Protein backbone atom coordinates (compact mmCIF):
# COMPACT_ATOMS: atom_id res chain seq x y z
CA UNK A 1 -27.21 -70.05 20.73
CA UNK A 2 -27.68 -72.62 18.01
CA UNK A 3 -29.13 -72.25 14.84
CA UNK A 4 -30.68 -74.76 12.72
CA UNK A 5 -30.23 -74.42 9.09
CA UNK A 6 -31.36 -76.77 6.28
CA UNK A 7 -30.57 -77.37 2.61
CA UNK A 8 -31.74 -79.01 -0.51
CA UNK A 9 -28.92 -81.39 -2.31
CA UNK A 10 -31.19 -81.10 -5.88
CA UNK A 11 -28.98 -83.59 -7.31
CA UNK A 12 -30.50 -85.94 -5.13
CA UNK A 13 -34.23 -84.85 -5.14
CA UNK A 14 -36.22 -86.81 -6.68
CA UNK A 15 -39.40 -84.13 -6.72
CA UNK A 16 -41.86 -86.63 -4.40
CA UNK A 17 -42.62 -83.70 -2.55
CA UNK A 18 -42.74 -85.09 1.25
CA UNK A 19 -40.78 -82.21 2.43
CA UNK A 20 -43.61 -79.64 1.03
CA UNK A 21 -46.76 -81.92 2.46
CA UNK A 22 -44.98 -81.93 5.85
CA UNK A 23 -43.57 -78.41 5.80
CA UNK A 24 -44.97 -75.69 2.99
CA UNK A 25 -43.40 -73.07 5.39
CA UNK A 26 -39.96 -74.01 4.26
CA UNK A 27 -40.26 -76.20 1.16
CA UNK A 28 -41.85 -75.61 -2.37
CA UNK A 29 -41.98 -77.42 -5.72
CA UNK A 30 -40.13 -75.27 -8.46
CA UNK A 31 -40.85 -75.59 -12.10
CA UNK A 32 -38.16 -77.70 -12.47
CA UNK A 33 -39.91 -80.66 -10.43
CA UNK A 34 -37.71 -80.10 -7.85
CA UNK A 35 -37.85 -79.32 -3.89
CA UNK A 36 -36.07 -76.09 -3.01
CA UNK A 37 -35.67 -74.05 0.67
CA UNK A 38 -37.70 -71.07 0.37
CA UNK A 39 -35.47 -67.75 1.87
CA UNK A 40 -36.25 -66.41 5.63
CA UNK A 41 -39.25 -64.24 5.05
CA UNK A 42 -40.64 -65.42 1.67
CA UNK A 43 -43.75 -64.64 1.10
CA UNK A 44 -46.44 -65.43 -1.73
CA UNK A 45 -46.04 -63.48 -4.65
CA UNK A 46 -48.72 -63.94 -7.13
CA UNK A 47 -47.88 -62.64 -10.73
CA UNK A 48 -49.88 -61.21 -13.36
CA UNK A 49 -50.45 -64.20 -15.78
CA UNK A 50 -52.77 -66.87 -14.23
CA UNK A 51 -52.37 -65.83 -10.14
CA UNK A 52 -49.57 -68.61 -9.91
CA UNK A 53 -47.63 -68.56 -7.01
CA UNK A 54 -44.27 -67.67 -7.14
CA UNK A 55 -41.80 -67.95 -4.49
CA UNK A 56 -37.91 -66.52 -4.00
CA UNK A 57 -36.34 -69.78 -3.10
CA UNK A 58 -33.36 -69.75 -0.50
CA UNK A 59 -29.42 -69.83 -2.39
CA UNK A 60 -27.78 -72.46 0.08
CA UNK A 61 -29.00 -72.83 3.16
CA UNK A 62 -32.68 -71.24 4.86
CA UNK A 63 -32.69 -70.83 9.08
CA UNK A 64 -35.34 -72.86 10.64
CA UNK A 65 -37.55 -71.16 12.94
CA UNK A 66 -38.49 -72.90 16.01
CA UNK A 67 -42.04 -73.50 14.91
CA UNK A 68 -40.83 -75.83 12.44
CA UNK A 69 -38.05 -77.67 13.90
CA UNK A 70 -39.99 -80.31 14.26
CA UNK A 71 -41.74 -81.25 10.98
CA UNK A 72 -38.00 -80.02 8.94
CA UNK A 73 -36.35 -83.13 10.89
CA UNK A 74 -39.41 -85.16 9.93
CA UNK A 75 -39.24 -84.00 6.14
CA UNK A 76 -35.22 -85.04 6.14
CA UNK A 77 -35.95 -88.02 7.76
CA UNK A 78 -38.67 -89.20 5.03
CA UNK A 79 -37.17 -87.78 2.58
CA UNK A 80 -36.86 -90.66 -0.16
CA UNK A 81 -34.14 -88.89 -2.06
CA UNK A 82 -32.18 -88.49 1.35
CA UNK A 83 -31.24 -84.99 -0.63
CA UNK A 84 -32.44 -82.69 2.61
CA UNK A 85 -29.78 -81.46 5.02
CA UNK A 86 -29.35 -79.95 8.53
CA UNK A 87 -27.12 -77.57 10.22
CA UNK A 88 -26.16 -76.75 13.18
CA UNK A 89 -24.78 -73.42 13.20
CA UNK A 90 -23.43 -72.25 16.20
């Protein structure tokens, strides 16, 4: 069965955040102002200094759950930097 993977090329990312608005389950903005994909099974971890959420960013690609498929594709299509890439892994 084929699996969809997603990754972001940070060199192309404009930091607009449309991907996060459309699919916060897979994308997050980092301190550097760029969007990243989240690791599979991520969770919000609140640090002790102010309770700001800290996300574990994916290294490379992240699997797209079926429930996130439509909005992940929409995020890739709407991205002004054209930096979101989808790969079908068989």
